[in-house]
Amino acid sequence: MMIEILLRSMMGIAIGGIFTFIALTVMKFGGAEATVDQIWLYMLSSFILGIYFGLASFLFEDNGWSSLKKTVIHFFLSVAVYFIIVFFVAKWIPFTGKAIFISFLLFVFVYVVIWFGKYFYYKKVEAELNESLKKNKR
């Protein structure tokens, strides 16, 4: 279990590092300036978010909960963690009504796109497994 926690955390850090690299690349070629302190805080925030999403995948393990319950819990935890980081730690988004509304809509949009992507992927895997079982049964 500890090894799985470590692996998922490291995967989250890796993904956070990739997003940080993309953001730094945009900043570099866009001519933006940032202090080392600011870059450090942004990278730390990306790592924290990456670790959270890596570990949050444990919610989807087989624990007797319905898929709906797992998704709802994951969504609300993700919203809470994400907005704490982006508003109060990294301050990526200004704490205004309009910014909160737009960022929430974008978060929900990305969440739904990822959810449907995974849903259709696993439906395809399910169909392939069922077809394979039918072939083996004959």
C-alpha atoms as a PDB file:
ATOM      1  CA  MET A   1       0.000   0.000   0.000  1.00  0.00           C
ATOM      2  CA  MET A   2       2.806   2.425   0.862  1.00  0.00           C
ATOM      3  CA  ILE A   3       4.499   1.684  -2.446  1.00  0.00           C
ATOM      4  CA  GLU A   4       1.241   2.417  -4.308  1.00  0.00           C
ATOM      5  CA  ILE A   5       0.879   5.712  -2.405  1.00  0.00           C
ATOM      6  CA  LEU A   6       4.452   6.633  -3.300  1.00  0.00           C
ATOM      7  CA  LEU A   7       3.975   5.672  -6.961  1.00  0.00           C
ATOM      8  CA  ARG A   8       0.771   7.673  -7.325  1.00  0.00           C
ATOM      9  CA  SER A   9       2.332  10.652  -5.540  1.00  0.00           C
ATOM     10  CA  MET A  10       5.372  10.541  -7.816  1.00  0.00           C
ATOM     11  CA  MET A  11       3.143  10.315 -10.885  1.00  0.00           C
ATOM     12  CA  GLY A  12       1.264  13.380  -9.632  1.00  0.00           C
ATOM     13  CA  ILE A  13       4.531  15.255  -9.078  1.00  0.00           C
ATOM     14  CA  ALA A  14       5.642  14.327 -12.601  1.00  0.00           C
ATOM     15  CA  ILE A  15       2.407  15.619 -14.111  1.00  0.00           C
ATOM     16  CA  GLY A  16       2.636  18.773 -11.976  1.00  0.00           C
ATOM     17  CA  GLY A  17       6.190  19.246 -13.254  1.00  0.00           C
ATOM     18  CA  ILE A  18       5.033  18.916 -16.856  1.00  0.00           C
ATOM     19  CA  PHE A  19       2.352  21.562 -16.328  1.00  0.00           C
ATOM     20  CA  THR A  20       4.888  23.830 -14.630  1.00  0.00           C
ATOM     21  CA  PHE A  21       7.285  23.384 -17.543  1.00  0.00           C
ATOM     22  CA  ILE A  22       4.522  24.274 -20.007  1.00  0.00           C
ATOM     23  CA  ALA A  23       3.647  27.389 -17.986  1.00  0.00           C
ATOM     24  CA  LEU A  24       7.321  28.419 -17.784  1.00  0.00           C
ATOM     25  CA  THR A  25       7.697  27.904 -21.532  1.00  0.00           C
ATOM     26  CA  VAL A  26       4.697  30.138 -22.199  1.00  0.00           C
ATOM     27  CA  MET A  27       6.148  32.735 -19.830  1.00  0.00           C
ATOM     28  CA  LYS A  28       9.585  32.572 -21.463  1.00  0.00           C
ATOM     29  CA  PHE A  29       8.342  33.010 -25.010  1.00  0.00           C
ATOM     30  CA  GLY A  30       5.655  35.469 -23.934  1.00  0.00           C
ATOM     31  CA  GLY A  31       8.246  37.728 -22.324  1.00  0.00           C
ATOM     32  CA  ALA A  32       6.789  37.456 -18.812  1.00  0.00           C
ATOM     33  CA  GLU A  33       9.024  37.993 -15.808  1.00  0.00           C
ATOM     34  CA  ALA A  34       8.778  36.160 -12.491  1.00  0.00           C
ATOM     35  CA  THR A  35      10.870  35.949  -9.360  1.00  0.00           C
ATOM     36  CA  VAL A  36      12.431  32.730  -8.135  1.00  0.00           C
ATOM     37  CA  ASP A  37      10.099  32.878  -5.112  1.00  0.00           C
ATOM     38  CA  GLN A  38       7.057  33.086  -7.369  1.00  0.00           C
ATOM     39  CA  ILE A  39       8.229  30.248  -9.615  1.00  0.00           C
ATOM     40  CA  TRP A  40       9.016  28.124  -6.535  1.00  0.00           C
ATOM     41  CA  LEU A  41       5.523  28.733  -5.112  1.00  0.00           C
ATOM     42  CA  TYR A  42       3.861  27.918  -8.431  1.00  0.00           C
ATOM     43  CA  MET A  43       5.884  24.738  -8.831  1.00  0.00           C
ATOM     44  CA  LEU A  44       5.085  23.679  -5.243  1.00  0.00           C
ATOM     45  CA  SER A  45       1.398  24.343  -5.907  1.00  0.00           C
ATOM     46  CA  SER A  46       1.525  22.251  -9.089  1.00  0.00           C
ATOM     47  CA  PHE A  47       3.193  19.427  -7.168  1.00  0.00           C
ATOM     48  CA  ILE A  48       0.582  19.583  -4.390  1.00  0.00           C
ATOM     49  CA  LEU A  49      -2.240  19.439  -6.934  1.00  0.00           C
ATOM     50  CA  GLY A  50      -0.505  16.591  -8.743  1.00  0.00           C
ATOM     51  CA  ILE A  51      -0.074  14.635  -5.518  1.00  0.00           C
ATOM     52  CA  TYR A  52      -3.712  15.247  -4.599  1.00  0.00           C
ATOM     53  CA  PHE A  53      -5.028  14.010  -7.946  1.00  0.00           C
ATOM     54  CA  GLY A  54      -2.651  11.044  -7.836  1.00  0.00           C
ATOM     55  CA  LEU A  55      -3.866  10.022  -4.389  1.00  0.00           C
ATOM     56  CA  ALA A  56      -7.507  10.895  -5.074  1.00  0.00           C
ATOM     57  CA  SER A  57      -7.567   8.062  -7.581  1.00  0.00           C
ATOM     58  CA  PHE A  58      -7.757   5.736  -4.560  1.00  0.00           C
ATOM     59  CA  LEU A  59     -11.398   6.834  -4.264  1.00  0.00           C
ATOM     60  CA  PHE A  60     -12.141   4.883  -7.429  1.00  0.00           C
ATOM     61  CA  GLU A  61     -10.777   1.615  -6.097  1.00  0.00           C
ATOM     62  CA  ASP A  62     -13.266  -1.160  -5.360  1.00  0.00           C
ATOM     63  CA  ASN A  63     -14.586  -0.114  -1.944  1.00  0.00           C
ATOM     64  CA  GLY A  64     -18.274  -0.987  -2.239  1.00  0.00           C
ATOM     65  CA  TRP A  65     -19.350   2.540  -3.188  1.00  0.00           C
ATOM     66  CA  SER A  66     -21.372   3.241  -6.300  1.00  0.00           C
ATOM     67  CA  SER A  67     -19.693   4.999  -9.219  1.00  0.00           C
ATOM     68  CA  LEU A  68     -21.931   8.011  -8.633  1.00  0.00           C
ATOM     69  CA  LYS A  69     -20.909   8.286  -4.974  1.00  0.00           C
ATOM     70  CA  LYS A  70     -17.212   7.968  -5.868  1.00  0.00           C
ATOM     71  CA  THR A  71     -17.522  10.624  -8.562  1.00  0.00           C
ATOM     72  CA  VAL A  72     -19.456  13.068  -6.366  1.00  0.00           C
ATOM     73  CA  ILE A  73     -16.988  12.723  -3.483  1.00  0.00           C
ATOM     74  CA  HIS A  74     -14.028  13.047  -5.858  1.00  0.00           C
ATOM     75  CA  PHE A  75     -15.561  16.108  -7.534  1.00  0.00           C
ATOM     76  CA  PHE A  76     -16.237  18.011  -4.310  1.00  0.00           C
ATOM     77  CA  LEU A  77     -12.864  17.137  -2.789  1.00  0.00           C
ATOM     78  CA  SER A  78     -11.186  18.189  -6.027  1.00  0.00           C
ATOM     79  CA  VAL A  79     -13.046  21.497  -6.124  1.00  0.00           C
ATOM     80  CA  ALA A  80     -12.081  22.218  -2.508  1.00  0.00           C
ATOM     81  CA  VAL A  81      -8.402  21.340  -2.913  1.00  0.00           C
ATOM     82  CA  TYR A  82      -8.076  23.064  -6.279  1.00  0.00           C
ATOM     83  CA  PHE A  83      -9.667  26.323  -5.164  1.00  0.00           C
ATOM     84  CA  ILE A  84      -7.742  26.457  -1.893  1.00  0.00           C
ATOM     85  CA  ILE A  85      -4.511  26.158  -3.890  1.00  0.00           C
ATOM     86  CA  VAL A  86      -5.401  28.535  -6.740  1.00  0.00           C
ATOM     87  CA  PHE A  87      -6.947  31.277  -4.580  1.00  0.00           C
ATOM     88  CA  PHE A  88      -5.034  31.195  -1.312  1.00  0.00           C
ATOM     89  CA  VAL A  89      -1.680  29.480  -1.886  1.00  0.00           C
ATOM     90  CA  ALA A  90      -0.539  30.194  -5.444  1.00  0.00           C
ATOM     91  CA  LYS A  91      -2.971  33.070  -6.061  1.00  0.00           C
ATOM     92  CA  TRP A  92      -3.202  32.088  -9.730  1.00  0.00           C
ATOM     93  CA  ILE A  93      -6.729  33.486  -9.937  1.00  0.00           C
ATOM     94  CA  PRO A  94      -7.897  36.747  -8.350  1.00  0.00           C
ATOM     95  CA  PHE A  95     -10.418  36.314  -5.546  1.00  0.00           C
ATOM     96  CA  THR A  96     -13.324  38.123  -7.233  1.00  0.00           C
ATOM     97  CA  GLY A  97     -16.837  36.976  -7.999  1.00  0.00           C
ATOM     98  CA  LYS A  98     -16.325  36.980 -11.762  1.00  0.00           C
ATOM     99  CA  ALA A  99     -12.997  35.110 -11.539  1.00  0.00           C
ATOM    100  CA  ILE A 100     -14.452  32.547  -9.146  1.00  0.00           C
ATOM    101  CA  PHE A 101     -17.428  31.956 -11.452  1.00  0.00           C
ATOM    102  CA  ILE A 102     -15.348  31.651 -14.636  1.00  0.00           C
ATOM    103  CA  SER A 103     -12.727  29.415 -13.012  1.00  0.00           C
ATOM    104  CA  PHE A 104     -15.448  27.198 -11.540  1.00  0.00           C
ATOM    105  CA  LEU A 105     -17.084  26.836 -14.963  1.00  0.00           C
ATOM    106  CA  LEU A 106     -13.723  25.990 -16.531  1.00  0.00           C
ATOM    107  CA  PHE A 107     -12.979  23.490 -13.760  1.00  0.00           C
ATOM    108  CA  VAL A 108     -16.353  21.791 -14.267  1.00  0.00           C
ATOM    109  CA  PHE A 109     -15.857  21.759 -18.045  1.00  0.00           C
ATOM    110  CA  VAL A 110     -12.422  20.109 -17.775  1.00  0.00           C
ATOM    111  CA  TYR A 111     -13.700  17.672 -15.133  1.00  0.00           C
ATOM    112  CA  VAL A 112     -16.655  16.653 -17.319  1.00  0.00           C
ATOM    113  CA  VAL A 113     -14.474  16.253 -20.426  1.00  0.00           C
ATOM    114  CA  ILE A 114     -12.056  14.013 -18.519  1.00  0.00           C
ATOM    115  CA  TRP A 115     -14.929  12.079 -16.934  1.00  0.00           C
ATOM    116  CA  PHE A 116     -16.588  11.391 -20.287  1.00  0.00           C
ATOM    117  CA  GLY A 117     -13.235  10.490 -21.824  1.00  0.00           C
ATOM    118  CA  LYS A 118     -12.627   7.883 -19.145  1.00  0.00           C
ATOM    119  CA  TYR A 119     -16.241   6.706 -19.318  1.00  0.00           C
ATOM    120  CA  PHE A 120     -16.107   6.040 -23.062  1.00  0.00           C
ATOM    121  CA  TYR A 121     -12.649   4.500 -22.785  1.00  0.00           C
ATOM    122  CA  TYR A 122     -13.813   1.992 -20.170  1.00  0.00           C
ATOM    123  CA  LYS A 123     -17.011   1.286 -22.129  1.00  0.00           C
ATOM    124  CA  LYS A 124     -14.808   0.406 -25.097  1.00  0.00           C
ATOM    125  CA  VAL A 125     -12.625  -1.841 -22.916  1.00  0.00           C
ATOM    126  CA  GLU A 126     -15.771  -3.486 -21.539  1.00  0.00           C
ATOM    127  CA  ALA A 127     -17.101  -4.170 -25.044  1.00  0.00           C
ATOM    128  CA  GLU A 128     -13.747  -5.625 -26.133  1.00  0.00           C
ATOM    129  CA  LEU A 129     -13.609  -7.884 -23.070  1.00  0.00           C
ATOM    130  CA  ASN A 130     -17.167  -9.064 -23.647  1.00  0.00           C
ATOM    131  CA  GLU A 131     -16.405  -9.780 -27.295  1.00  0.00           C
ATOM    132  CA  SER A 132     -13.281 -11.692 -26.278  1.00  0.00           C
ATOM    133  CA  LEU A 133     -15.287 -13.745 -23.784  1.00  0.00           C
ATOM    134  CA  LYS A 134     -17.882 -14.552 -26.450  1.00  0.00           C
ATOM    135  CA  LYS A 135     -15.175 -15.737 -28.835  1.00  0.00           C
ATOM    136  CA  ASN A 136     -13.551 -17.900 -26.155  1.00  0.00           C
ATOM    137  CA  LYS A 137     -16.907 -19.403 -25.190  1.00  0.00           C
ATOM    138  CA  ARG A 138     -17.483 -20.818 -28.669  1.00  0.00           C
END
